[in-house]
Amino acid sequence: MIRVVLVEDQHLVRDGLRSLLGLLDDVRVVGEAADGAEAVALIGSAVADVVLLDVRMPRMNGLEVLRQLHREDRLPPTIMLTTFDDPEALFEAIRAGARGFMLKDVTLDQLAEAIRAVATGGSSFQPGLTERLLRAVQQRGIEPEICFAAHSLSPRERDVVRLMAGGFRNREIAEAFGLAEGTVKNHVSNILSKLGVRERTRAVLVAISRGIV
């Protein structure tokens, strides 16, 4: 059973999400919060496999929640939900450790697929958002290099970059795969070199753009 925490300030939307998720046999809502401050407190006490987190909320917005939980090393796998097509928020969410980003008009099947993917260590970004994300990156003056060596990533390097996209640190990636942390560092160095970038965020952006993540 996948345990989900809902963080959404609009009661009708939250009620609707809870009702829809109740139709799934393998998902159970174990907690709800109406704003970011409530979310930080709740996620500290509830055991969640996945958090569905609204981007725009009072007191603390979704990005602030992400950043605080990530700093405190207690961020569960998180999917950002928004009614706005906001690639800037997507970019910041990835940097803060989100593993998914979806508009609220997705179908139940799409949301269920995303929840299952994220709960098992993957990531899920709604189709069509990647191109807008890259435009936002370019507008910020951060140009992810177009790299044609992406296909040369080994299967293990592809696994590592997927976890990097989920905000995992080298130590956590090492634990996930049963590797030494130094081995993971070597994999990350190889990934950066093959993708033609100098740091992890750009590697994730290029990996998304090339369909690796």
Protein backbone atom coordinates (compact mmCIF):
# COMPACT_ATOMS: atom_id res chain seq x y z
CA MET A 1 0.00 0.00 0.00
CA ILE A 2 1.36 3.44 -0.99
CA ARG A 3 0.81 5.98 1.80
CA VAL A 4 0.09 9.47 0.48
CA VAL A 5 -0.02 12.86 2.21
CA LEU A 6 -2.11 15.56 0.49
CA VAL A 7 -1.04 19.18 0.85
CA GLU A 8 -3.58 21.51 -0.77
CA ASP A 9 -5.10 24.75 0.54
CA GLN A 10 -8.38 24.56 -1.44
CA HIS A 11 -10.80 22.30 0.42
CA LEU A 12 -12.79 21.26 -2.65
CA VAL A 13 -9.64 20.31 -4.54
CA ARG A 14 -8.28 18.39 -1.57
CA ASP A 15 -11.60 16.59 -1.08
CA GLY A 16 -11.66 15.73 -4.78
CA LEU A 17 -8.13 14.35 -4.73
CA ARG A 18 -8.89 12.27 -1.64
CA SER A 19 -12.01 10.84 -3.25
CA LEU A 20 -10.20 9.99 -6.47
CA LEU A 21 -7.28 8.36 -4.71
CA GLY A 22 -9.79 6.36 -2.67
CA LEU A 23 -10.70 4.56 -5.90
CA LEU A 24 -7.20 3.06 -6.12
CA ASP A 25 -6.60 -0.28 -4.42
CA ASP A 26 -2.92 0.33 -3.77
CA VAL A 27 -3.03 3.95 -2.50
CA ARG A 28 -4.17 5.26 0.89
CA VAL A 29 -4.29 8.89 2.05
CA VAL A 30 -2.72 8.98 5.52
CA GLY A 31 -2.63 12.73 6.14
CA GLU A 32 -3.76 16.12 4.87
CA ALA A 33 -2.53 19.69 5.28
CA ALA A 34 -4.10 22.98 4.19
CA ASP A 35 -0.93 25.08 4.00
CA GLY A 36 2.82 24.80 3.95
CA ALA A 37 3.38 25.25 7.67
CA GLU A 38 0.90 22.47 8.44
CA ALA A 39 2.63 20.31 5.85
CA VAL A 40 6.06 20.67 7.46
CA ALA A 41 4.64 19.66 10.85
CA LEU A 42 2.56 16.81 9.43
CA ILE A 43 5.31 15.30 7.31
CA GLY A 44 7.47 15.24 10.41
CA SER A 45 5.00 12.91 12.13
CA ALA A 46 3.19 10.99 9.38
CA VAL A 47 4.85 8.14 7.53
CA ALA A 48 4.44 9.01 3.86
CA ASP A 49 5.64 7.14 0.80
CA VAL A 50 4.60 10.02 -1.48
CA VAL A 51 3.58 13.63 -0.89
CA LEU A 52 1.27 15.47 -3.29
CA LEU A 53 2.24 19.11 -2.73
CA ASP A 54 0.49 22.20 -4.06
CA VAL A 55 2.84 24.88 -5.37
CA ARG A 56 0.87 27.99 -4.32
CA MET A 57 -0.29 28.04 -0.69
CA PRO A 58 -0.55 30.50 2.20
CA ARG A 59 2.01 30.78 5.01
CA MET A 60 4.58 28.66 3.17
CA ASN A 61 4.37 27.80 -0.51
CA GLY A 62 5.21 24.39 -1.88
CA LEU A 63 8.75 25.33 -2.90
CA GLU A 64 9.49 26.62 0.60
CA VAL A 65 8.19 23.35 2.04
CA LEU A 66 10.43 21.38 -0.31
CA ARG A 67 13.51 23.40 0.57
CA GLN A 68 12.97 23.17 4.32
CA LEU A 69 12.33 19.42 4.33
CA HIS A 70 15.29 18.86 2.03
CA ARG A 71 17.57 20.88 4.32
CA GLU A 72 16.36 18.84 7.27
CA ASP A 73 16.93 15.59 5.36
CA ARG A 74 13.32 14.45 5.79
CA LEU A 75 11.80 15.06 2.38
CA PRO A 76 9.66 12.12 1.20
CA PRO A 77 9.27 11.46 -2.53
CA THR A 78 7.20 14.45 -3.65
CA ILE A 79 5.05 15.33 -6.65
CA MET A 80 4.27 19.00 -7.14
CA LEU A 81 0.72 19.86 -8.27
CA THR A 82 -0.37 23.18 -9.75
CA THR A 83 -3.17 24.73 -11.78
CA PHE A 84 -0.60 26.97 -13.46
CA ASP A 85 1.69 26.13 -16.35
CA ASP A 86 4.72 27.49 -14.50
CA PRO A 87 8.06 26.21 -15.85
CA GLU A 88 9.98 28.48 -13.46
CA ALA A 89 8.34 26.67 -10.54
CA LEU A 90 9.19 23.33 -12.18
CA PHE A 91 12.84 24.31 -12.44
CA GLU A 92 12.97 25.39 -8.79
CA ALA A 93 11.08 22.27 -7.70
CA ILE A 94 13.63 20.00 -9.38
CA ARG A 95 16.46 21.91 -7.73
CA ALA A 96 14.71 21.51 -4.36
CA GLY A 97 14.33 17.76 -4.72
CA ALA A 98 10.86 17.16 -6.21
CA ARG A 99 10.53 13.91 -8.12
CA GLY A 100 7.45 14.88 -10.11
CA PHE A 101 5.52 17.88 -11.37
CA MET A 102 2.00 17.72 -12.78
CA LEU A 103 -0.85 20.04 -13.63
CA LYS A 104 -4.05 19.44 -11.68
CA ASP A 105 -6.00 18.63 -14.82
CA VAL A 106 -4.31 15.22 -15.17
CA THR A 107 -6.48 12.14 -15.23
CA LEU A 108 -6.66 9.72 -12.31
CA ASP A 109 -4.73 7.16 -14.36
CA GLN A 110 -1.93 9.66 -15.00
CA LEU A 111 -1.76 10.66 -11.34
CA ALA A 112 -1.82 7.04 -10.20
CA GLU A 113 1.00 6.17 -12.60
CA ALA A 114 3.04 9.11 -11.30
CA ILE A 115 2.47 8.13 -7.66
CA ARG A 116 3.54 4.55 -8.33
CA ALA A 117 6.62 5.63 -10.24
CA VAL A 118 7.75 8.04 -7.55
CA ALA A 119 6.99 5.59 -4.73
CA THR A 120 9.35 3.06 -6.31
CA GLY A 121 12.25 5.50 -6.67
CA GLY A 122 11.49 6.93 -10.09
CA SER A 123 10.37 10.35 -11.24
CA SER A 124 7.38 11.60 -13.21
CA PHE A 125 7.14 14.88 -15.10
CA GLN A 126 3.99 15.49 -17.07
CA PRO A 127 4.58 15.21 -20.82
CA GLY A 128 4.88 18.60 -22.46
CA LEU A 129 6.41 20.34 -19.44
CA THR A 130 10.00 19.50 -20.32
CA GLU A 131 10.15 21.87 -23.30
CA ARG A 132 8.75 24.70 -21.18
CA LEU A 133 11.24 23.88 -18.45
CA LEU A 134 14.12 24.21 -20.87
CA ARG A 135 12.80 27.59 -22.07
CA ALA A 136 12.69 28.77 -18.45
CA VAL A 137 16.26 27.60 -17.92
CA GLN A 138 17.43 29.51 -20.98
CA GLN A 139 15.61 32.65 -19.80
CA ARG A 140 17.54 32.41 -16.54
CA GLY A 141 20.76 32.43 -18.53
CA ILE A 142 21.49 28.81 -17.69
CA GLU A 143 22.00 27.05 -20.98
CA PRO A 144 21.91 23.26 -20.68
CA GLU A 145 24.28 22.04 -23.33
CA ILE A 146 22.79 19.86 -26.04
CA CYS A 147 24.77 16.70 -25.64
CA PHE A 148 24.77 13.83 -28.10
CA ALA A 149 26.72 11.54 -25.76
CA ALA A 150 23.66 10.88 -23.60
CA HIS A 151 23.11 7.55 -25.34
CA SER A 152 26.55 6.43 -24.12
CA LEU A 153 25.48 6.40 -20.47
CA SER A 154 25.73 2.90 -19.04
CA PRO A 155 22.62 1.28 -17.51
CA ARG A 156 24.01 1.99 -14.02
CA GLU A 157 24.72 5.63 -14.91
CA ARG A 158 21.15 5.98 -16.14
CA ASP A 159 19.92 4.59 -12.82
CA VAL A 160 22.12 7.05 -10.94
CA VAL A 161 20.99 10.09 -12.94
CA ARG A 162 17.35 9.14 -12.33
CA LEU A 163 17.97 9.22 -8.58
CA MET A 164 19.88 12.49 -8.98
CA ALA A 165 16.71 13.88 -10.61
CA GLY A 166 14.84 12.80 -7.49
CA GLY A 167 17.13 14.88 -5.28
CA PHE A 168 19.04 11.95 -3.82
CA ARG A 169 22.53 12.57 -2.45
CA ASN A 170 25.50 10.35 -3.27
CA ARG A 171 25.23 8.57 0.07
CA GLU A 172 21.55 7.79 -0.49
CA ILE A 173 22.21 6.58 -4.05
CA ALA A 174 24.98 4.35 -2.73
CA GLU A 175 22.63 2.85 -0.14
CA ALA A 176 19.90 2.31 -2.75
CA PHE A 177 22.19 0.31 -5.01
CA GLY A 178 24.41 -1.30 -2.39
CA LEU A 179 27.50 0.54 -3.64
CA ALA A 180 30.35 2.39 -1.97
CA GLU A 181 29.82 6.14 -1.90
CA GLY A 182 33.11 6.59 -3.77
CA THR A 183 31.77 4.41 -6.59
CA VAL A 184 28.71 6.62 -6.87
CA LYS A 185 30.93 9.71 -6.97
CA ASN A 186 32.77 8.14 -9.90
CA HIS A 187 29.48 7.44 -11.66
CA VAL A 188 28.37 11.05 -11.14
CA SER A 189 31.67 12.34 -12.51
CA ASN A 190 31.27 10.14 -15.59
CA ILE A 191 27.68 11.35 -16.07
CA LEU A 192 28.72 15.00 -15.92
CA SER A 193 31.50 14.35 -18.40
CA LYS A 194 29.32 12.44 -20.85
CA LEU A 195 26.52 15.00 -20.69
CA GLY A 196 28.97 17.87 -21.13
CA VAL A 197 27.98 19.72 -17.95
CA ARG A 198 29.77 20.84 -14.80
CA GLU A 199 27.21 20.32 -12.04
CA ARG A 200 24.33 18.09 -11.00
CA THR A 201 21.40 20.41 -11.73
CA ARG A 202 22.44 20.83 -15.34
CA ALA A 203 22.96 17.08 -15.63
CA VAL A 204 19.39 16.51 -14.47
CA LEU A 205 18.03 19.10 -16.91
CA VAL A 206 19.91 17.56 -19.83
CA ALA A 207 18.80 14.08 -18.76
CA ILE A 208 15.17 15.24 -18.74
CA SER A 209 15.56 16.89 -22.14
CA ARG A 210 17.06 13.68 -23.60
CA GLY A 211 14.32 11.48 -22.15
CA ILE A 212 16.68 9.67 -19.79
CA VAL A 213 14.72 10.52 -16.65
